[in-house]
Amino acid sequence: MKADNDLSRELRGLVVISMSNVGSKSEHEGIFIQTSDGTYLLRKKGANPFNDPGLKELVGQQVVVTGTLDRNLFLADKIERLD
């Protein structure tokens, strides 16, 4: 059973590449998860936020991710491909 203060969430969706921070000095290509509730920037906990080959391999795949959501950023502790 999860404690009330446990912020861990699970999302299901499609991993895609899109532009992040459009129009700013920080504009760059990012990896996102598209869900039925919205689209969130996807990062793996402890990985390079700008170059993560493991995430790039998941582009176009349906996944289940477990981690924390902070506004539009989903920080994944665990990522599983769906068949």
PDB file of N, CA and C in Angstrom:
ATOM      1  N   MET A   1       0.837  -1.169   0.000  1.00  0.00           N
ATOM      2  CA  MET A   1       0.000   0.000   0.000  1.00  0.00           C
ATOM      3  C   MET A   1       0.890   1.242   0.000  1.00  0.00           C
ATOM      4  N   LYS A   2       0.498   2.249  -0.776  1.00  0.00           N
ATOM      5  CA  LYS A   2       1.274   3.487  -0.841  1.00  0.00           C
ATOM      6  C   LYS A   2       0.872   4.431   0.277  1.00  0.00           C
ATOM      7  N   ALA A   3       1.853   5.133   0.800  1.00  0.00           N
ATOM      8  CA  ALA A   3       1.575   6.153   1.803  1.00  0.00           C
ATOM      9  C   ALA A   3       0.967   7.371   1.117  1.00  0.00           C
ATOM     10  N   ASP A   4       0.218   8.175   1.860  1.00  0.00           N
ATOM     11  CA  ASP A   4      -0.421   9.358   1.292  1.00  0.00           C
ATOM     12  C   ASP A   4       0.588  10.349   0.732  1.00  0.00           C
ATOM     13  N   ASN A   5       1.807  10.376   1.297  1.00  0.00           N
ATOM     14  CA  ASN A   5       2.811  11.337   0.848  1.00  0.00           C
ATOM     15  C   ASN A   5       3.681  10.775  -0.274  1.00  0.00           C
ATOM     16  N   ASP A   6       3.385   9.575  -0.765  1.00  0.00           N
ATOM     17  CA  ASP A   6       4.134   8.959  -1.863  1.00  0.00           C
ATOM     18  C   ASP A   6       3.721   9.641  -3.164  1.00  0.00           C
ATOM     19  N   LEU A   7       4.646  10.303  -3.832  1.00  0.00           N
ATOM     20  CA  LEU A   7       4.346  11.043  -5.051  1.00  0.00           C
ATOM     21  C   LEU A   7       4.520  10.203  -6.305  1.00  0.00           C
ATOM     22  N   SER A   8       4.821   8.935  -6.159  1.00  0.00           N
ATOM     23  CA  SER A   8       5.046   8.065  -7.298  1.00  0.00           C
ATOM     24  C   SER A   8       3.760   7.895  -8.104  1.00  0.00           C
ATOM     25  N   ARG A   9       3.917   7.962  -9.442  1.00  0.00           N
ATOM     26  CA  ARG A   9       2.783   7.801 -10.347  1.00  0.00           C
ATOM     27  C   ARG A   9       3.164   6.842 -11.452  1.00  0.00           C
ATOM     28  N   GLU A  10       2.140   6.334 -12.117  1.00  0.00           N
ATOM     29  CA  GLU A  10       2.354   5.480 -13.281  1.00  0.00           C
ATOM     30  C   GLU A  10       1.599   6.095 -14.452  1.00  0.00           C
ATOM     31  N   LEU A  11       2.285   6.231 -15.594  1.00  0.00           N
ATOM     32  CA  LEU A  11       1.668   6.745 -16.821  1.00  0.00           C
ATOM     33  C   LEU A  11       1.843   5.718 -17.926  1.00  0.00           C
ATOM     34  N   ARG A  12       0.876   5.672 -18.838  1.00  0.00           N
ATOM     35  CA  ARG A  12       0.966   4.844 -20.038  1.00  0.00           C
ATOM     36  C   ARG A  12       0.847   5.771 -21.230  1.00  0.00           C
ATOM     37  N   GLY A  13       1.715   5.554 -22.237  1.00  0.00           N
ATOM     38  CA  GLY A  13       1.622   6.406 -23.409  1.00  0.00           C
ATOM     39  C   GLY A  13       2.667   6.096 -24.450  1.00  0.00           C
ATOM     40  N   LEU A  14       2.724   6.971 -25.444  1.00  0.00           N
ATOM     41  CA  LEU A  14       3.615   6.856 -26.585  1.00  0.00           C
ATOM     42  C   LEU A  14       4.803   7.791 -26.403  1.00  0.00           C
ATOM     43  N   VAL A  15       6.011   7.283 -26.622  1.00  0.00           N
ATOM     44  CA  VAL A  15       7.220   8.107 -26.524  1.00  0.00           C
ATOM     45  C   VAL A  15       7.450   8.779 -27.876  1.00  0.00           C
ATOM     46  N   VAL A  16       7.609  10.124 -27.860  1.00  0.00           N
ATOM     47  CA  VAL A  16       7.791  10.909 -29.081  1.00  0.00           C
ATOM     48  C   VAL A  16       8.907  11.925 -28.898  1.00  0.00           C
ATOM     49  N   ILE A  17       9.429  12.425 -30.024  1.00  0.00           N
ATOM     50  CA  ILE A  17      10.400  13.526 -30.002  1.00  0.00           C
ATOM     51  C   ILE A  17       9.691  14.780 -30.482  1.00  0.00           C
ATOM     52  N   SER A  18       9.908  15.884 -29.780  1.00  0.00           N
ATOM     53  CA  SER A  18       9.301  17.164 -30.138  1.00  0.00           C
ATOM     54  C   SER A  18      10.215  18.275 -29.617  1.00  0.00           C
ATOM     55  N   MET A  19       9.931  19.491 -30.019  1.00  0.00           N
ATOM     56  CA  MET A  19      10.709  20.634 -29.545  1.00  0.00           C
ATOM     57  C   MET A  19      10.251  21.034 -28.142  1.00  0.00           C
ATOM     58  N   SER A  20      11.213  21.389 -27.311  1.00  0.00           N
ATOM     59  CA  SER A  20      10.961  21.823 -25.947  1.00  0.00           C
ATOM     60  C   SER A  20      11.431  23.259 -25.786  1.00  0.00           C
ATOM     61  N   ASN A  21      10.729  24.028 -24.974  1.00  0.00           N
ATOM     62  CA  ASN A  21      11.088  25.430 -24.682  1.00  0.00           C
ATOM     63  C   ASN A  21      11.173  26.270 -25.959  1.00  0.00           C
ATOM     64  N   VAL A  22      10.226  26.083 -26.852  1.00  0.00           N
ATOM     65  CA  VAL A  22      10.214  26.789 -28.142  1.00  0.00           C
ATOM     66  C   VAL A  22      10.208  28.293 -27.929  1.00  0.00           C
ATOM     67  N   GLY A  23      11.074  28.979 -28.670  1.00  0.00           N
ATOM     68  CA  GLY A  23      11.165  30.429 -28.616  1.00  0.00           C
ATOM     69  C   GLY A  23      12.088  30.968 -27.534  1.00  0.00           C
ATOM     70  N   SER A  24      12.697  30.078 -26.748  1.00  0.00           N
ATOM     71  CA  SER A  24      13.608  30.529 -25.692  1.00  0.00           C
ATOM     72  C   SER A  24      15.044  30.164 -26.055  1.00  0.00           C
ATOM     73  N   LYS A  25      15.983  30.659 -25.274  1.00  0.00           N
ATOM     74  CA  LYS A  25      17.385  30.297 -25.469  1.00  0.00           C
ATOM     75  C   LYS A  25      17.628  28.821 -25.154  1.00  0.00           C
ATOM     76  N   SER A  26      16.701  28.229 -24.421  1.00  0.00           N
ATOM     77  CA  SER A  26      16.817  26.820 -24.042  1.00  0.00           C
ATOM     78  C   SER A  26      16.112  25.885 -25.023  1.00  0.00           C
ATOM     79  N   GLU A  27      15.670  26.401 -26.172  1.00  0.00           N
ATOM     80  CA  GLU A  27      14.958  25.562 -27.138  1.00  0.00           C
ATOM     81  C   GLU A  27      15.838  24.397 -27.580  1.00  0.00           C
ATOM     82  N   HIS A  28      15.253  23.191 -27.533  1.00  0.00           N
ATOM     83  CA  HIS A  28      15.976  21.991 -27.948  1.00  0.00           C
ATOM     84  C   HIS A  28      14.984  20.873 -28.226  1.00  0.00           C
ATOM     85  N   GLU A  29      15.466  19.837 -28.863  1.00  0.00           N
ATOM     86  CA  GLU A  29      14.645  18.663 -29.109  1.00  0.00           C
ATOM     87  C   GLU A  29      14.564  17.853 -27.824  1.00  0.00           C
ATOM     88  N   GLY A  30      13.356  17.459 -27.443  1.00  0.00           N
ATOM     89  CA  GLY A  30      13.183  16.687 -26.218  1.00  0.00           C
ATOM     90  C   GLY A  30      12.386  15.427 -26.469  1.00  0.00           C
ATOM     91  N   ILE A  31      12.442  14.522 -25.522  1.00  0.00           N
ATOM     92  CA  ILE A  31      11.686  13.284 -25.606  1.00  0.00           C
ATOM     93  C   ILE A  31      10.525  13.392 -24.621  1.00  0.00           C
ATOM     94  N   PHE A  32       9.325  13.090 -25.126  1.00  0.00           N
ATOM     95  CA  PHE A  32       8.093  13.262 -24.371  1.00  0.00           C
ATOM     96  C   PHE A  32       7.318  11.958 -24.317  1.00  0.00           C
ATOM     97  N   ILE A  33       6.410  11.875 -23.356  1.00  0.00           N
ATOM     98  CA  ILE A  33       5.430  10.798 -23.334  1.00  0.00           C
ATOM     99  C   ILE A  33       4.058  11.428 -23.548  1.00  0.00           C
ATOM    100  N   GLN A  34       3.353  10.939 -24.572  1.00  0.00           N
ATOM    101  CA  GLN A  34       1.996  11.395 -24.864  1.00  0.00           C
ATOM    102  C   GLN A  34       1.028  10.421 -24.218  1.00  0.00           C
ATOM    103  N   THR A  35       0.178  10.934 -23.326  1.00  0.00           N
ATOM    104  CA  THR A  35      -0.817  10.111 -22.650  1.00  0.00           C
ATOM    105  C   THR A  35      -2.206  10.647 -22.986  1.00  0.00           C
ATOM    106  N   SER A  36      -3.224   9.958 -22.530  1.00  0.00           N
ATOM    107  CA  SER A  36      -4.587  10.433 -22.758  1.00  0.00           C
ATOM    108  C   SER A  36      -4.865  11.709 -21.964  1.00  0.00           C
ATOM    109  N   ASP A  37      -4.065  11.981 -20.923  1.00  0.00           N
ATOM    110  CA  ASP A  37      -4.257  13.171 -20.089  1.00  0.00           C
ATOM    111  C   ASP A  37      -3.375  14.348 -20.470  1.00  0.00           C
ATOM    112  N   GLY A  38      -2.361  14.126 -21.317  1.00  0.00           N
ATOM    113  CA  GLY A  38      -1.462  15.209 -21.691  1.00  0.00           C
ATOM    114  C   GLY A  38      -0.131  14.687 -22.186  1.00  0.00           C
ATOM    115  N   THR A  39       0.749  15.626 -22.510  1.00  0.00           N
ATOM    116  CA  THR A  39       2.089  15.303 -22.995  1.00  0.00           C
ATOM    117  C   THR A  39       3.098  15.871 -22.008  1.00  0.00           C
ATOM    118  N   TYR A  40       4.059  15.039 -21.611  1.00  0.00           N
ATOM    119  CA  TYR A  40       5.021  15.411 -20.578  1.00  0.00           C
ATOM    120  C   TYR A  40       6.436  15.141 -21.043  1.00  0.00           C
ATOM    121  N   LEU A  41       7.338  16.067 -20.737  1.00  0.00           N
ATOM    122  CA  LEU A  41       8.758  15.862 -21.003  1.00  0.00           C
ATOM    123  C   LEU A  41       9.201  14.664 -20.183  1.00  0.00           C
ATOM    124  N   LEU A  42       9.895  13.720 -20.822  1.00  0.00           N
ATOM    125  CA  LEU A  42      10.269  12.467 -20.168  1.00  0.00           C
ATOM    126  C   LEU A  42      11.775  12.424 -19.951  1.00  0.00           C
ATOM    127  N   ARG A  43      12.155  12.162 -18.723  1.00  0.00           N
ATOM    128  CA  ARG A  43      13.570  11.983 -18.381  1.00  0.00           C
ATOM    129  C   ARG A  43      13.704  10.796 -17.449  1.00  0.00           C
ATOM    130  N   LYS A  44      14.848  10.118 -17.545  1.00  0.00           N
ATOM    131  CA  LYS A  44      15.141   9.031 -16.611  1.00  0.00           C
ATOM    132  C   LYS A  44      15.949   9.598 -15.453  1.00  0.00           C
ATOM    133  N   LYS A  45      15.591   9.190 -14.264  1.00  0.00           N
ATOM    134  CA  LYS A  45      16.290   9.642 -13.059  1.00  0.00           C
ATOM    135  C   LYS A  45      17.771   9.288 -13.163  1.00  0.00           C
ATOM    136  N   GLY A  46      18.637  10.277 -12.970  1.00  0.00           N
ATOM    137  CA  GLY A  46      20.077  10.064 -12.982  1.00  0.00           C
ATOM    138  C   GLY A  46      20.716  10.094 -14.359  1.00  0.00           C
ATOM    139  N   ALA A  47      19.921  10.232 -15.420  1.00  0.00           N
ATOM    140  CA  ALA A  47      20.459  10.237 -16.787  1.00  0.00           C
ATOM    141  C   ALA A  47      20.697  11.667 -17.273  1.00  0.00           C
ATOM    142  N   ASN A  48      21.491  11.794 -18.318  1.00  0.00           N
ATOM    143  CA  ASN A  48      21.741  13.097 -18.937  1.00  0.00           C
ATOM    144  C   ASN A  48      20.418  13.635 -19.498  1.00  0.00           C
ATOM    145  N   PRO A  49      19.988  14.831 -19.087  1.00  0.00           N
ATOM    146  CA  PRO A  49      18.697  15.344 -19.539  1.00  0.00           C
ATOM    147  C   PRO A  49      18.675  15.768 -21.013  1.00  0.00           C
ATOM    148  N   PHE A  50      19.828  15.949 -21.627  1.00  0.00           N
ATOM    149  CA  PHE A  50      19.870  16.409 -23.015  1.00  0.00           C
ATOM    150  C   PHE A  50      20.288  15.329 -24.004  1.00  0.00           C
ATOM    151  N   ASN A  51      20.862  14.237 -23.527  1.00  0.00           N
ATOM    152  CA  ASN A  51      21.302  13.175 -24.427  1.00  0.00           C
ATOM    153  C   ASN A  51      21.215  11.829 -23.705  1.00  0.00           C
ATOM    154  N   ASP A  52      20.103  11.150 -23.915  1.00  0.00           N
ATOM    155  CA  ASP A  52      19.891   9.855 -23.279  1.00  0.00           C
ATOM    156  C   ASP A  52      19.581   8.822 -24.363  1.00  0.00           C
ATOM    157  N   PRO A  53      20.606   8.090 -24.824  1.00  0.00           N
ATOM    158  CA  PRO A  53      20.404   7.106 -25.890  1.00  0.00           C
ATOM    159  C   PRO A  53      19.343   6.059 -25.553  1.00  0.00           C
ATOM    160  N   GLY A  54      19.220   5.701 -24.283  1.00  0.00           N
ATOM    161  CA  GLY A  54      18.212   4.723 -23.876  1.00  0.00           C
ATOM    162  C   GLY A  54      16.798   5.209 -24.130  1.00  0.00           C
ATOM    163  N   LEU A  55      16.544   6.510 -23.885  1.00  0.00           N
ATOM    164  CA  LEU A  55      15.225   7.069 -24.164  1.00  0.00           C
ATOM    165  C   LEU A  55      14.981   7.176 -25.664  1.00  0.00           C
ATOM    166  N   LYS A  56      16.019   7.544 -26.417  1.00  0.00           N
ATOM    167  CA  LYS A  56      15.858   7.669 -27.869  1.00  0.00           C
ATOM    168  C   LYS A  56      15.445   6.344 -28.494  1.00  0.00           C
ATOM    169  N   GLU A  57      15.906   5.224 -27.937  1.00  0.00           N
ATOM    170  CA  GLU A  57      15.532   3.900 -28.441  1.00  0.00           C
ATOM    171  C   GLU A  57      14.044   3.619 -28.263  1.00  0.00           C
ATOM    172  N   LEU A  58      13.384   4.330 -27.358  1.00  0.00           N
ATOM    173  CA  LEU A  58      11.971   4.101 -27.066  1.00  0.00           C
ATOM    174  C   LEU A  58      11.027   4.936 -27.926  1.00  0.00           C
ATOM    175  N   VAL A  59      11.560   5.859 -28.726  1.00  0.00           N
ATOM    176  CA  VAL A  59      10.710   6.715 -29.554  1.00  0.00           C
ATOM    177  C   VAL A  59       9.861   5.845 -30.477  1.00  0.00           C
ATOM    178  N   GLY A  60       8.561   6.123 -30.488  1.00  0.00           N
ATOM    179  CA  GLY A  60       7.611   5.367 -31.292  1.00  0.00           C
ATOM    180  C   GLY A  60       7.031   4.159 -30.569  1.00  0.00           C
ATOM    181  N   GLN A  61       7.472   3.906 -29.345  1.00  0.00           N
ATOM    182  CA  GLN A  61       7.023   2.751 -28.567  1.00  0.00           C
ATOM    183  C   GLN A  61       5.970   3.167 -27.533  1.00  0.00           C
ATOM    184  N   GLN A  62       5.053   2.251 -27.250  1.00  0.00           N
ATOM    185  CA  GLN A  62       4.122   2.416 -26.141  1.00  0.00           C
ATOM    186  C   GLN A  62       4.831   1.929 -24.881  1.00  0.00           C
ATOM    187  N   VAL A  63       4.736   2.710 -23.802  1.00  0.00           N
ATOM    188  CA  VAL A  63       5.432   2.374 -22.557  1.00  0.00           C
ATOM    189  C   VAL A  63       4.544   2.599 -21.340  1.00  0.00           C
ATOM    190  N   VAL A  64       4.971   2.014 -20.238  1.00  0.00           N
ATOM    191  CA  VAL A  64       4.445   2.318 -18.908  1.00  0.00           C
ATOM    192  C   VAL A  64       5.627   2.857 -18.126  1.00  0.00           C
ATOM    193  N   VAL A  65       5.467   4.045 -17.554  1.00  0.00           N
ATOM    194  CA  VAL A  65       6.550   4.650 -16.778  1.00  0.00           C
ATOM    195  C   VAL A  65       6.085   4.861 -15.341  1.00  0.00           C
ATOM    196  N   THR A  66       7.000   4.667 -14.418  1.00  0.00           N
ATOM    197  CA  THR A  66       6.735   4.900 -13.002  1.00  0.00           C
ATOM    198  C   THR A  66       7.744   5.925 -12.522  1.00  0.00           C
ATOM    199  N   GLY A  67       7.262   6.941 -11.831  1.00  0.00           N
ATOM    200  CA  GLY A  67       8.143   7.994 -11.343  1.00  0.00           C
ATOM    201  C   GLY A  67       7.340   9.135 -10.755  1.00  0.00           C
ATOM    202  N   THR A  68       7.888  10.354 -10.875  1.00  0.00           N
ATOM    203  CA  THR A  68       7.225  11.526 -10.311  1.00  0.00           C
ATOM    204  C   THR A  68       6.941  12.559 -11.397  1.00  0.00           C
ATOM    205  N   LEU A  69       5.812  13.223 -11.254  1.00  0.00           N
ATOM    206  CA  LEU A  69       5.388  14.259 -12.193  1.00  0.00           C
ATOM    207  C   LEU A  69       5.508  15.611 -11.512  1.00  0.00           C
ATOM    208  N   ASP A  70       6.243  16.528 -12.148  1.00  0.00           N
ATOM    209  CA  ASP A  70       6.395  17.887 -11.644  1.00  0.00           C
ATOM    210  C   ASP A  70       6.041  18.834 -12.783  1.00  0.00           C
ATOM    211  N   ARG A  71       4.826  19.350 -12.758  1.00  0.00           N
ATOM    212  CA  ARG A  71       4.267  20.188 -13.825  1.00  0.00           C
ATOM    213  C   ARG A  71       4.292  19.430 -15.143  1.00  0.00           C
ATOM    214  N   ASN A  72       5.184  19.775 -16.084  1.00  0.00           N
ATOM    215  CA  ASN A  72       5.198  19.077 -17.379  1.00  0.00           C
ATOM    216  C   ASN A  72       6.379  18.114 -17.507  1.00  0.00           C
ATOM    217  N   LEU A  73       7.114  17.868 -16.424  1.00  0.00           N
ATOM    218  CA  LEU A  73       8.263  16.962 -16.438  1.00  0.00           C
ATOM    219  C   LEU A  73       7.926  15.673 -15.703  1.00  0.00           C
ATOM    220  N   PHE A  74       8.099  14.533 -16.388  1.00  0.00           N
ATOM    221  CA  PHE A  74       7.943  13.238 -15.729  1.00  0.00           C
ATOM    222  C   PHE A  74       9.326  12.635 -15.562  1.00  0.00           C
ATOM    223  N   LEU A  75       9.754  12.459 -14.327  1.00  0.00           N
ATOM    224  CA  LEU A  75      11.057  11.898 -14.000  1.00  0.00           C
ATOM    225  C   LEU A  75      10.860  10.418 -13.679  1.00  0.00           C
ATOM    226  N   ALA A  76      11.303   9.571 -14.610  1.00  0.00           N
ATOM    227  CA  ALA A  76      11.019   8.138 -14.527  1.00  0.00           C
ATOM    228  C   ALA A  76      12.047   7.373 -13.707  1.00  0.00           C
ATOM    229  N   ASP A  77      11.543   6.564 -12.798  1.00  0.00           N
ATOM    230  CA  ASP A  77      12.378   5.610 -12.068  1.00  0.00           C
ATOM    231  C   ASP A  77      12.437   4.295 -12.831  1.00  0.00           C
ATOM    232  N   LYS A  78      11.345   3.970 -13.540  1.00  0.00           N
ATOM    233  CA  LYS A  78      11.228   2.696 -14.242  1.00  0.00           C
ATOM    234  C   LYS A  78      10.440   2.900 -15.532  1.00  0.00           C
ATOM    235  N   ILE A  79      10.916   2.293 -16.620  1.00  0.00           N
ATOM    236  CA  ILE A  79      10.238   2.360 -17.918  1.00  0.00           C
ATOM    237  C   ILE A  79      10.120   0.940 -18.462  1.00  0.00           C
ATOM    238  N   GLU A  80       8.900   0.573 -18.856  1.00  0.00           N
ATOM    239  CA  GLU A  80       8.661  -0.743 -19.437  1.00  0.00           C
ATOM    240  C   GLU A  80       7.980  -0.572 -20.799  1.00  0.00           C
ATOM    241  N   ARG A  81       8.502  -1.269 -21.821  1.00  0.00           N
ATOM    242  CA  ARG A  81       7.852  -1.274 -23.128  1.00  0.00           C
ATOM    243  C   ARG A  81       6.617  -2.153 -23.067  1.00  0.00           C
ATOM    244  N   LEU A  82       5.584  -1.728 -23.786  1.00  0.00           N
ATOM    245  CA  LEU A  82       4.392  -2.551 -23.935  1.00  0.00           C
ATOM    246  C   LEU A  82       4.450  -3.235 -25.295  1.00  0.00           C
ATOM    247  N   ASP A  83       3.987  -4.467 -25.340  1.00  0.00           N
ATOM    248  CA  ASP A  83       3.963  -5.198 -26.616  1.00  0.00           C
ATOM    249  C   ASP A  83       2.709  -4.914 -27.392  1.00  0.00           C
TER     250      ASP A  83
END
